[in-house]
């Protein structure tokens, strides 16, 4: 997995989230896992960077 995806994310908006998931062609299981929590993330080697379209506290 790319280091760009390591860390924890906090959902700040779910506007058009279903359309985004369809565009990425994710399965329903992934969608349900994400919907079950307002915060999600991946960690490896104590990396806690926040990235992407989620709230970004790392300045990336």
Protein backbone atom coordinates (compact mmCIF):
# COMPACT_ATOMS: atom_id res chain seq x y z
CA UNK A 1 0.00 0.00 0.00
CA UNK A 2 1.25 3.47 -0.85
CA UNK A 3 2.32 5.68 2.05
CA UNK A 4 -0.13 8.30 0.73
CA UNK A 5 -2.98 6.18 2.13
CA UNK A 6 -1.55 5.51 5.59
CA UNK A 7 -3.02 7.40 8.53
CA UNK A 8 -6.42 8.29 9.94
CA UNK A 9 -9.12 10.33 8.24
CA UNK A 10 -12.14 12.16 9.61
CA UNK A 11 -15.08 12.60 7.25
CA UNK A 12 -15.89 16.31 6.96
CA UNK A 13 -18.65 16.04 4.32
CA UNK A 14 -20.61 13.21 2.71
CA UNK A 15 -22.05 15.27 -0.14
CA UNK A 16 -22.00 13.14 -3.34
CA UNK A 17 -20.30 10.32 -1.40
CA UNK A 18 -22.40 7.61 -3.10
CA UNK A 19 -21.49 8.98 -6.54
CA UNK A 20 -17.81 9.01 -5.53
CA UNK A 21 -17.94 5.39 -4.38
CA UNK A 22 -19.70 4.35 -7.62
CA UNK A 23 -17.04 6.13 -9.65
CA UNK A 24 -14.35 4.18 -7.82
CA UNK A 25 -16.32 0.94 -8.33
CA UNK A 26 -15.97 -0.10 -4.70
CA UNK A 27 -17.97 -3.07 -3.45
CA UNK A 28 -20.84 -2.61 -0.99
CA UNK A 29 -18.77 -4.10 1.84
CA UNK A 30 -16.20 -1.29 1.65
CA UNK A 31 -18.99 1.28 1.51
CA UNK A 32 -20.67 -0.19 4.59
CA UNK A 33 -17.39 -0.22 6.49
CA UNK A 34 -16.80 3.44 5.72
CA UNK A 35 -20.39 4.44 6.51
CA UNK A 36 -20.22 2.73 9.90
CA UNK A 37 -17.71 5.25 11.24
CA UNK A 38 -17.06 8.95 10.82
CA UNK A 39 -13.34 8.27 11.16
CA UNK A 40 -11.19 5.72 9.33
CA UNK A 41 -7.57 5.05 8.52
CA UNK A 42 -4.64 2.77 7.91
CA UNK A 43 -1.38 2.72 9.83
CA UNK A 44 2.00 1.12 9.25
CA UNK A 45 5.23 1.68 11.18
CA UNK A 46 3.53 4.17 13.55
CA UNK A 47 2.71 6.49 10.63
CA UNK A 48 -0.18 8.76 11.59
CA UNK A 49 -0.36 11.18 8.64
CA UNK A 50 -3.79 12.33 7.47
CA UNK A 51 -4.32 12.67 3.72
CA UNK A 52 -6.83 12.92 0.91
CA UNK A 53 -10.35 14.28 0.74
CA UNK A 54 -10.76 13.76 4.45
CA UNK A 55 -9.77 16.32 7.08
CA UNK A 56 -6.05 16.87 6.70
CA UNK A 57 -4.16 17.67 9.88
CA UNK A 58 -0.67 16.91 8.57
CA UNK A 59 -0.25 19.82 6.16
CA UNK A 60 -0.05 17.51 3.16
